[in-house]
PDB file of N, CA and C in Angstrom:
ATOM      1  N   ALA A   1      30.939 123.730  27.367  1.00  0.00           N
ATOM      2  CA  ALA A   1      29.807 122.814  27.407  1.00  0.00           C
ATOM      3  C   ALA A   1      29.954 121.714  26.350  1.00  0.00           C
ATOM      4  N   VAL A   2      30.471 122.086  25.179  1.00  0.00           N
ATOM      5  CA  VAL A   2      30.661 121.099  24.117  1.00  0.00           C
ATOM      6  C   VAL A   2      31.711 120.071  24.533  1.00  0.00           C
ATOM      7  N   VAL A   3      32.812 120.539  25.077  1.00  0.00           N
ATOM      8  CA  VAL A   3      33.870 119.640  25.520  1.00  0.00           C
ATOM      9  C   VAL A   3      33.350 118.719  26.623  1.00  0.00           C
ATOM     10  N   GLU A   4      32.620 119.278  27.561  1.00  0.00           N
ATOM     11  CA  GLU A   4      32.065 118.488  28.665  1.00  0.00           C
ATOM     12  C   GLU A   4      31.126 117.402  28.148  1.00  0.00           C
ATOM     13  N   SER A   5      30.244 117.737  27.226  1.00  0.00           N
ATOM     14  CA  SER A   5      29.292 116.746  26.724  1.00  0.00           C
ATOM     15  C   SER A   5      30.007 115.647  25.942  1.00  0.00           C
ATOM     16  N   GLN A   6      31.023 115.999  25.176  1.00  0.00           N
ATOM     17  CA  GLN A   6      31.783 114.981  24.445  1.00  0.00           C
ATOM     18  C   GLN A   6      32.577 114.094  25.391  1.00  0.00           C
ATOM     19  N   ALA A   7      33.168 114.695  26.408  1.00  0.00           N
ATOM     20  CA  ALA A   7      33.936 113.910  27.387  1.00  0.00           C
ATOM     21  C   ALA A   7      33.039 112.904  28.106  1.00  0.00           C
ATOM     22  N   GLN A   8      31.849 113.332  28.464  1.00  0.00           N
ATOM     23  CA  GLN A   8      30.915 112.413  29.120  1.00  0.00           C
ATOM     24  C   GLN A   8      30.497 111.292  28.191  1.00  0.00           C
ATOM     25  N   LEU A   9      30.265 111.616  26.926  1.00  0.00           N
ATOM     26  CA  LEU A   9      29.886 110.600  25.947  1.00  0.00           C
ATOM     27  C   LEU A   9      30.989 109.560  25.788  1.00  0.00           C
ATOM     28  N   ILE A  10      32.211 110.000  25.599  1.00  0.00           N
ATOM     29  CA  ILE A  10      33.325 109.077  25.403  1.00  0.00           C
ATOM     30  C   ILE A  10      33.548 108.235  26.667  1.00  0.00           C
ATOM     31  N   ALA A  11      33.421 108.842  27.830  1.00  0.00           N
ATOM     32  CA  ALA A  11      33.573 108.088  29.084  1.00  0.00           C
ATOM     33  C   ALA A  11      32.511 106.994  29.200  1.00  0.00           C
ATOM     34  N   ARG A  12      31.282 107.319  28.808  1.00  0.00           N
ATOM     35  CA  ARG A  12      30.214 106.299  28.851  1.00  0.00           C
ATOM     36  C   ARG A  12      30.497 105.188  27.856  1.00  0.00           C
ATOM     37  N   TRP A  13      30.966 105.547  26.664  1.00  0.00           N
ATOM     38  CA  TRP A  13      31.333 104.530  25.681  1.00  0.00           C
ATOM     39  C   TRP A  13      32.360 103.576  26.249  1.00  0.00           C
ATOM     40  N   MET A  14      33.428 104.163  26.763  1.00  0.00           N
ATOM     41  CA  MET A  14      34.544 103.353  27.229  1.00  0.00           C
ATOM     42  C   MET A  14      34.160 102.501  28.431  1.00  0.00           C
ATOM     43  N   GLY A  15      33.233 103.000  29.228  1.00  0.00           N
ATOM     44  CA  GLY A  15      32.773 102.239  30.385  1.00  0.00           C
ATOM     45  C   GLY A  15      32.069 100.942  30.019  1.00  0.00           C
ATOM     46  N   VAL A  16      31.520 100.890  28.820  1.00  0.00           N
ATOM     47  CA  VAL A  16      30.847  99.664  28.370  1.00  0.00           C
ATOM     48  C   VAL A  16      31.626  98.960  27.258  1.00  0.00           C
ATOM     49  N   GLY A  17      32.842  99.432  26.979  1.00  0.00           N
ATOM     50  CA  GLY A  17      33.684  98.780  25.990  1.00  0.00           C
ATOM     51  C   GLY A  17      33.327  99.074  24.550  1.00  0.00           C
ATOM     52  N   PHE A  18      32.691 100.206  24.293  1.00  0.00           N
ATOM     53  CA  PHE A  18      32.298 100.558  22.934  1.00  0.00           C
ATOM     54  C   PHE A  18      33.469 101.182  22.191  1.00  0.00           C
ATOM     55  N   VAL A  19      33.637 100.778  20.942  1.00  0.00           N
ATOM     56  CA  VAL A  19      34.671 101.353  20.084  1.00  0.00           C
ATOM     57  C   VAL A  19      34.011 101.892  18.819  1.00  0.00           C
ATOM     58  N   HIS A  20      34.143 103.195  18.611  1.00  0.00           N
ATOM     59  CA  HIS A  20      33.654 103.831  17.378  1.00  0.00           C
ATOM     60  C   HIS A  20      34.733 103.601  16.328  1.00  0.00           C
ATOM     61  N   GLY A  21      34.388 102.973  15.250  1.00  0.00           N
ATOM     62  CA  GLY A  21      35.378 102.578  14.260  1.00  0.00           C
ATOM     63  C   GLY A  21      36.070 103.713  13.533  1.00  0.00           C
ATOM     64  N   VAL A  22      35.362 104.792  13.250  1.00  0.00           N
ATOM     65  CA  VAL A  22      35.935 105.916  12.504  1.00  0.00           C
ATOM     66  C   VAL A  22      35.368 107.208  13.096  1.00  0.00           C
ATOM     67  N   MET A  23      35.938 107.638  14.203  1.00  0.00           N
ATOM     68  CA  MET A  23      35.414 108.793  14.927  1.00  0.00           C
ATOM     69  C   MET A  23      36.082 110.077  14.427  1.00  0.00           C
ATOM     70  N   ASN A  24      35.869 110.393  13.161  1.00  0.00           N
ATOM     71  CA  ASN A  24      36.471 111.602  12.628  1.00  0.00           C
ATOM     72  C   ASN A  24      35.571 112.811  12.874  1.00  0.00           C
ATOM     73  N   THR A  25      36.016 113.977  12.456  1.00  0.00           N
ATOM     74  CA  THR A  25      35.336 115.222  12.818  1.00  0.00           C
ATOM     75  C   THR A  25      33.888 115.294  12.358  1.00  0.00           C
ATOM     76  N   ASP A  26      33.568 114.704  11.237  1.00  0.00           N
ATOM     77  CA  ASP A  26      32.181 114.797  10.762  1.00  0.00           C
ATOM     78  C   ASP A  26      31.256 113.795  11.431  1.00  0.00           C
ATOM     79  N   ASN A  27      31.769 113.005  12.357  1.00  0.00           N
ATOM     80  CA  ASN A  27      30.941 112.050  13.096  1.00  0.00           C
ATOM     81  C   ASN A  27      30.713 112.465  14.546  1.00  0.00           C
ATOM     82  N   MET A  28      30.984 113.729  14.855  1.00  0.00           N
ATOM     83  CA  MET A  28      30.729 114.270  16.187  1.00  0.00           C
ATOM     84  C   MET A  28      29.816 115.478  16.040  1.00  0.00           C
ATOM     85  N   ALA A  29      29.011 115.724  17.060  1.00  0.00           N
ATOM     86  CA  ALA A  29      28.114 116.881  17.036  1.00  0.00           C
ATOM     87  C   ALA A  29      28.305 117.687  18.322  1.00  0.00           C
ATOM     88  N   ILE A  30      28.086 118.989  18.242  1.00  0.00           N
ATOM     89  CA  ILE A  30      28.270 119.829  19.427  1.00  0.00           C
ATOM     90  C   ILE A  30      27.266 119.505  20.524  1.00  0.00           C
ATOM     91  N   SER A  31      26.239 118.741  20.193  1.00  0.00           N
ATOM     92  CA  SER A  31      25.227 118.346  21.180  1.00  0.00           C
ATOM     93  C   SER A  31      25.700 117.216  22.091  1.00  0.00           C
ATOM     94  N   GLY A  32      26.861 116.643  21.810  1.00  0.00           N
ATOM     95  CA  GLY A  32      27.347 115.536  22.619  1.00  0.00           C
ATOM     96  C   GLY A  32      26.812 114.199  22.143  1.00  0.00           C
ATOM     97  N   GLU A  33      26.338 114.171  20.930  1.00  0.00           N
ATOM     98  CA  GLU A  33      25.850 112.934  20.326  1.00  0.00           C
ATOM     99  C   GLU A  33      26.820 112.526  19.226  1.00  0.00           C
ATOM    100  N   THR A  34      26.704 111.299  18.798  1.00  0.00           N
ATOM    101  CA  THR A  34      27.550 110.820  17.719  1.00  0.00           C
ATOM    102  C   THR A  34      26.709 110.568  16.490  1.00  0.00           C
ATOM    103  N   LEU A  35      27.263 110.910  15.369  1.00  0.00           N
ATOM    104  CA  LEU A  35      26.609 110.691  14.091  1.00  0.00           C
ATOM    105  C   LEU A  35      27.371 109.596  13.347  1.00  0.00           C
ATOM    106  N   ASP A  36      26.676 108.833  12.540  1.00  0.00           N
ATOM    107  CA  ASP A  36      27.304 107.855  11.662  1.00  0.00           C
ATOM    108  C   ASP A  36      28.302 106.967  12.403  1.00  0.00           C
ATOM    109  N   PHE A  37      27.810 105.965  13.055  1.00  0.00           N
ATOM    110  CA  PHE A  37      28.686 105.071  13.801  1.00  0.00           C
ATOM    111  C   PHE A  37      29.608 104.262  12.899  1.00  0.00           C
ATOM    112  N   GLY A  38      29.253 104.101  11.630  1.00  0.00           N
ATOM    113  CA  GLY A  38      30.127 103.362  10.722  1.00  0.00           C
ATOM    114  C   GLY A  38      30.496 102.021  11.311  1.00  0.00           C
ATOM    115  N   PRO A  39      31.740 101.595  11.107  1.00  0.00           N
ATOM    116  CA  PRO A  39      32.146 100.356  11.755  1.00  0.00           C
ATOM    117  C   PRO A  39      32.312 100.601  13.254  1.00  0.00           C
ATOM    118  N   CYS A  40      31.615  99.847  14.045  1.00  0.00           N
ATOM    119  CA  CYS A  40      31.735  99.982  15.489  1.00  0.00           C
ATOM    120  C   CYS A  40      31.438  98.627  16.121  1.00  0.00           C
ATOM    121  N   ALA A  41      31.831  98.480  17.364  1.00  0.00           N
ATOM    122  CA  ALA A  41      31.595  97.218  18.063  1.00  0.00           C
ATOM    123  C   ALA A  41      31.892  97.413  19.538  1.00  0.00           C
ATOM    124  N   PHE A  42      31.610  96.377  20.286  1.00  0.00           N
ATOM    125  CA  PHE A  42      31.950  96.345  21.710  1.00  0.00           C
ATOM    126  C   PHE A  42      33.091  95.356  21.902  1.00  0.00           C
ATOM    127  N   LEU A  43      34.004  95.684  22.790  1.00  0.00           N
ATOM    128  CA  LEU A  43      35.115  94.779  23.087  1.00  0.00           C
ATOM    129  C   LEU A  43      34.584  93.471  23.663  1.00  0.00           C
ATOM    130  N   GLU A  44      35.079  92.361  23.165  1.00  0.00           N
ATOM    131  CA  GLU A  44      34.745  91.070  23.758  1.00  0.00           C
ATOM    132  C   GLU A  44      35.646  90.798  24.949  1.00  0.00           C
ATOM    133  N   HIS A  45      36.860  91.318  24.898  1.00  0.00           N
ATOM    134  CA  HIS A  45      37.800  91.281  26.017  1.00  0.00           C
ATOM    135  C   HIS A  45      38.617  92.564  25.943  1.00  0.00           C
ATOM    136  N   TYR A  46      39.154  92.987  27.062  1.00  0.00           N
ATOM    137  CA  TYR A  46      39.867  94.256  27.098  1.00  0.00           C
ATOM    138  C   TYR A  46      41.118  94.211  26.224  1.00  0.00           C
ATOM    139  N   ASP A  47      41.166  95.105  25.272  1.00  0.00           N
ATOM    140  CA  ASP A  47      42.327  95.284  24.413  1.00  0.00           C
ATOM    141  C   ASP A  47      42.368  96.758  24.035  1.00  0.00           C
ATOM    142  N   PRO A  48      43.240  97.525  24.656  1.00  0.00           N
ATOM    143  CA  PRO A  48      43.267  98.957  24.400  1.00  0.00           C
ATOM    144  C   PRO A  48      43.586  99.312  22.945  1.00  0.00           C
ATOM    145  N   ASN A  49      44.168  98.386  22.210  1.00  0.00           N
ATOM    146  CA  ASN A  49      44.535  98.643  20.816  1.00  0.00           C
ATOM    147  C   ASN A  49      43.521  98.128  19.808  1.00  0.00           C
ATOM    148  N   GLN A  50      42.373  97.658  20.275  1.00  0.00           N
ATOM    149  CA  GLN A  50      41.357  97.091  19.390  1.00  0.00           C
ATOM    150  C   GLN A  50      40.779  98.147  18.467  1.00  0.00           C
ATOM    151  N   VAL A  51      40.724  97.833  17.188  1.00  0.00           N
ATOM    152  CA  VAL A  51      40.096  98.698  16.182  1.00  0.00           C
ATOM    153  C   VAL A  51      39.006  97.895  15.486  1.00  0.00           C
ATOM    154  N   PHE A  52      38.070  98.578  14.881  1.00  0.00           N
ATOM    155  CA  PHE A  52      36.976  97.904  14.182  1.00  0.00           C
ATOM    156  C   PHE A  52      36.742  98.480  12.793  1.00  0.00           C
ATOM    157  N   SER A  53      37.781  99.008  12.200  1.00  0.00           N
ATOM    158  CA  SER A  53      37.684  99.501  10.837  1.00  0.00           C
ATOM    159  C   SER A  53      38.828  98.900  10.038  1.00  0.00           C
ATOM    160  N   SER A  54      38.518  98.328   8.918  1.00  0.00           N
ATOM    161  CA  SER A  54      39.552  97.693   8.099  1.00  0.00           C
ATOM    162  C   SER A  54      40.554  98.698   7.550  1.00  0.00           C
ATOM    163  N   ILE A  55      40.184  99.969   7.485  1.00  0.00           N
ATOM    164  CA  ILE A  55      41.106 100.986   6.974  1.00  0.00           C
ATOM    165  C   ILE A  55      41.997 101.587   8.067  1.00  0.00           C
ATOM    166  N   ASP A  56      41.746 101.251   9.323  1.00  0.00           N
ATOM    167  CA  ASP A  56      42.495 101.823  10.446  1.00  0.00           C
ATOM    168  C   ASP A  56      43.696 100.935  10.774  1.00  0.00           C
ATOM    169  N   ARG A  57      44.679 100.951   9.908  1.00  0.00           N
ATOM    170  CA  ARG A  57      45.852 100.085  10.076  1.00  0.00           C
ATOM    171  C   ARG A  57      46.842 100.602  11.119  1.00  0.00           C
ATOM    172  N   ARG A  58      46.735 101.871  11.466  1.00  0.00           N
ATOM    173  CA  ARG A  58      47.662 102.467  12.444  1.00  0.00           C
ATOM    174  C   ARG A  58      47.062 102.611  13.835  1.00  0.00           C
ATOM    175  N   GLY A  59      45.800 102.261  14.001  1.00  0.00           N
ATOM    176  CA  GLY A  59      45.169 102.332  15.317  1.00  0.00           C
ATOM    177  C   GLY A  59      44.723 103.720  15.733  1.00  0.00           C
ATOM    178  N   ARG A  60      44.511 104.598  14.779  1.00  0.00           N
ATOM    179  CA  ARG A  60      44.078 105.969  15.100  1.00  0.00           C
ATOM    180  C   ARG A  60      42.789 105.978  15.917  1.00  0.00           C
ATOM    181  N   TYR A  61      41.852 105.067  15.598  1.00  0.00           N
ATOM    182  CA  TYR A  61      40.561 105.038  16.277  1.00  0.00           C
ATOM    183  C   TYR A  61      40.427 103.847  17.225  1.00  0.00           C
ATOM    184  N   ALA A  62      41.531 103.380  17.738  1.00  0.00           N
ATOM    185  CA  ALA A  62      41.519 102.265  18.686  1.00  0.00           C
ATOM    186  C   ALA A  62      40.764 102.659  19.957  1.00  0.00           C
ATOM    187  N   TYR A  63      40.325 101.665  20.689  1.00  0.00           N
ATOM    188  CA  TYR A  63      39.590 101.886  21.942  1.00  0.00           C
ATOM    189  C   TYR A  63      40.287 102.928  22.820  1.00  0.00           C
ATOM    190  N   SER A  64      41.569 102.751  23.076  1.00  0.00           N
ATOM    191  CA  SER A  64      42.288 103.649  23.987  1.00  0.00           C
ATOM    192  C   SER A  64      42.527 105.036  23.412  1.00  0.00           C
ATOM    193  N   GLN A  65      42.364 105.197  22.115  1.00  0.00           N
ATOM    194  CA  GLN A  65      42.615 106.483  21.467  1.00  0.00           C
ATOM    195  C   GLN A  65      41.391 107.387  21.409  1.00  0.00           C
ATOM    196  N   GLN A  66      40.237 106.887  21.812  1.00  0.00           N
ATOM    197  CA  GLN A  66      39.005 107.667  21.674  1.00  0.00           C
ATOM    198  C   GLN A  66      39.048 109.020  22.380  1.00  0.00           C
ATOM    199  N   PRO A  67      39.557 109.119  23.608  1.00  0.00           N
ATOM    200  CA  PRO A  67      39.635 110.451  24.227  1.00  0.00           C
ATOM    201  C   PRO A  67      40.547 111.401  23.455  1.00  0.00           C
ATOM    202  N   ARG A  68      41.678 110.901  22.987  1.00  0.00           N
ATOM    203  CA  ARG A  68      42.623 111.724  22.238  1.00  0.00           C
ATOM    204  C   ARG A  68      42.008 112.196  20.922  1.00  0.00           C
ATOM    205  N   ILE A  69      41.308 111.313  20.235  1.00  0.00           N
ATOM    206  CA  ILE A  69      40.673 111.677  18.967  1.00  0.00           C
ATOM    207  C   ILE A  69      39.564 112.706  19.198  1.00  0.00           C
ATOM    208  N   ALA A  70      38.785 112.530  20.259  1.00  0.00           N
ATOM    209  CA  ALA A  70      37.743 113.516  20.573  1.00  0.00           C
ATOM    210  C   ALA A  70      38.377 114.881  20.835  1.00  0.00           C
ATOM    211  N   GLN A  71      39.463 114.906  21.575  1.00  0.00           N
ATOM    212  CA  GLN A  71      40.154 116.163  21.863  1.00  0.00           C
ATOM    213  C   GLN A  71      40.658 116.803  20.569  1.00  0.00           C
ATOM    214  N   TRP A  72      41.235 116.003  19.697  1.00  0.00           N
ATOM    215  CA  TRP A  72      41.723 116.522  18.418  1.00  0.00           C
ATOM    216  C   TRP A  72      40.565 117.078  17.593  1.00  0.00           C
ATOM    217  N   ASN A  73      39.464 116.327  17.511  1.00  0.00           N
ATOM    218  CA  ASN A  73      38.297 116.787  16.763  1.00  0.00           C
ATOM    219  C   ASN A  73      37.779 118.121  17.306  1.00  0.00           C
ATOM    220  N   LEU A  74      37.734 118.246  18.615  1.00  0.00           N
ATOM    221  CA  LEU A  74      37.246 119.482  19.226  1.00  0.00           C
ATOM    222  C   LEU A  74      38.214 120.642  18.995  1.00  0.00           C
ATOM    223  N   ALA A  75      39.503 120.352  18.955  1.00  0.00           N
ATOM    224  CA  ALA A  75      40.483 121.394  18.660  1.00  0.00           C
ATOM    225  C   ALA A  75      40.306 121.910  17.234  1.00  0.00           C
ATOM    226  N   ILE A  76      40.009 121.011  16.313  1.00  0.00           N
ATOM    227  CA  ILE A  76      39.763 121.411  14.929  1.00  0.00           C
ATOM    228  C   ILE A  76      38.496 122.272  14.853  1.00  0.00           C
ATOM    229  N   LEU A  77      37.453 121.886  15.589  1.00  0.00           N
ATOM    230  CA  LEU A  77      36.233 122.696  15.637  1.00  0.00           C
ATOM    231  C   LEU A  77      36.539 124.098  16.165  1.00  0.00           C
ATOM    232  N   ALA A  78      37.292 124.162  17.249  1.00  0.00           N
ATOM    233  CA  ALA A  78      37.636 125.468  17.841  1.00  0.00           C
ATOM    234  C   ALA A  78      38.437 126.306  16.861  1.00  0.00           C
ATOM    235  N   GLU A  79      39.348 125.677  16.145  1.00  0.00           N
ATOM    236  CA  GLU A  79      40.143 126.395  15.155  1.00  0.00           C
ATOM    237  C   GLU A  79      39.244 126.986  14.064  1.00  0.00           C
ATOM    238  N   CYS A  80      38.289 126.202  13.599  1.00  0.00           N
ATOM    239  CA  CYS A  80      37.363 126.691  12.575  1.00  0.00           C
ATOM    240  C   CYS A  80      36.517 127.851  13.099  1.00  0.00           C
ATOM    241  N   LEU A  81      36.027 127.727  14.333  1.00  0.00           N
ATOM    242  CA  LEU A  81      35.194 128.786  14.910  1.00  0.00           C
ATOM    243  C   LEU A  81      35.975 130.060  15.180  1.00  0.00           C
ATOM    244  N   SER A  82      37.273 129.913  15.456  1.00  0.00           N
ATOM    245  CA  SER A  82      38.090 131.103  15.740  1.00  0.00           C
ATOM    246  C   SER A  82      38.216 132.004  14.521  1.00  0.00           C
ATOM    247  N   LEU A  83      37.987 131.441  13.347  1.00  0.00           N
ATOM    248  CA  LEU A  83      38.065 132.230  12.120  1.00  0.00           C
ATOM    249  C   LEU A  83      36.825 133.078  11.890  1.00  0.00           C
ATOM    250  N   VAL A  84      35.755 132.755  12.614  1.00  0.00           N
ATOM    251  CA  VAL A  84      34.492 133.456  12.403  1.00  0.00           C
ATOM    252  C   VAL A  84      34.483 134.725  13.177  1.00  0.00           C
TER     253      VAL A  84
END
């Protein structure tokens, strides 16, 4: 359910060209909502490599990377929960 809600959220973001500037693990919630948008913006034109954080020099949080980052964040959550 957590994965499904996050996937739907990211799909909706991408459908309107939204880019979360720093979508790290502490900015996601199991409810499928996002916390602390930090630097964020909407694409003015399609650019899969667009970033909106001055510290993101490698494109980790680029528009096209959002699904991959969400998957990584969820894998880290699962790893933490597996220890419990």
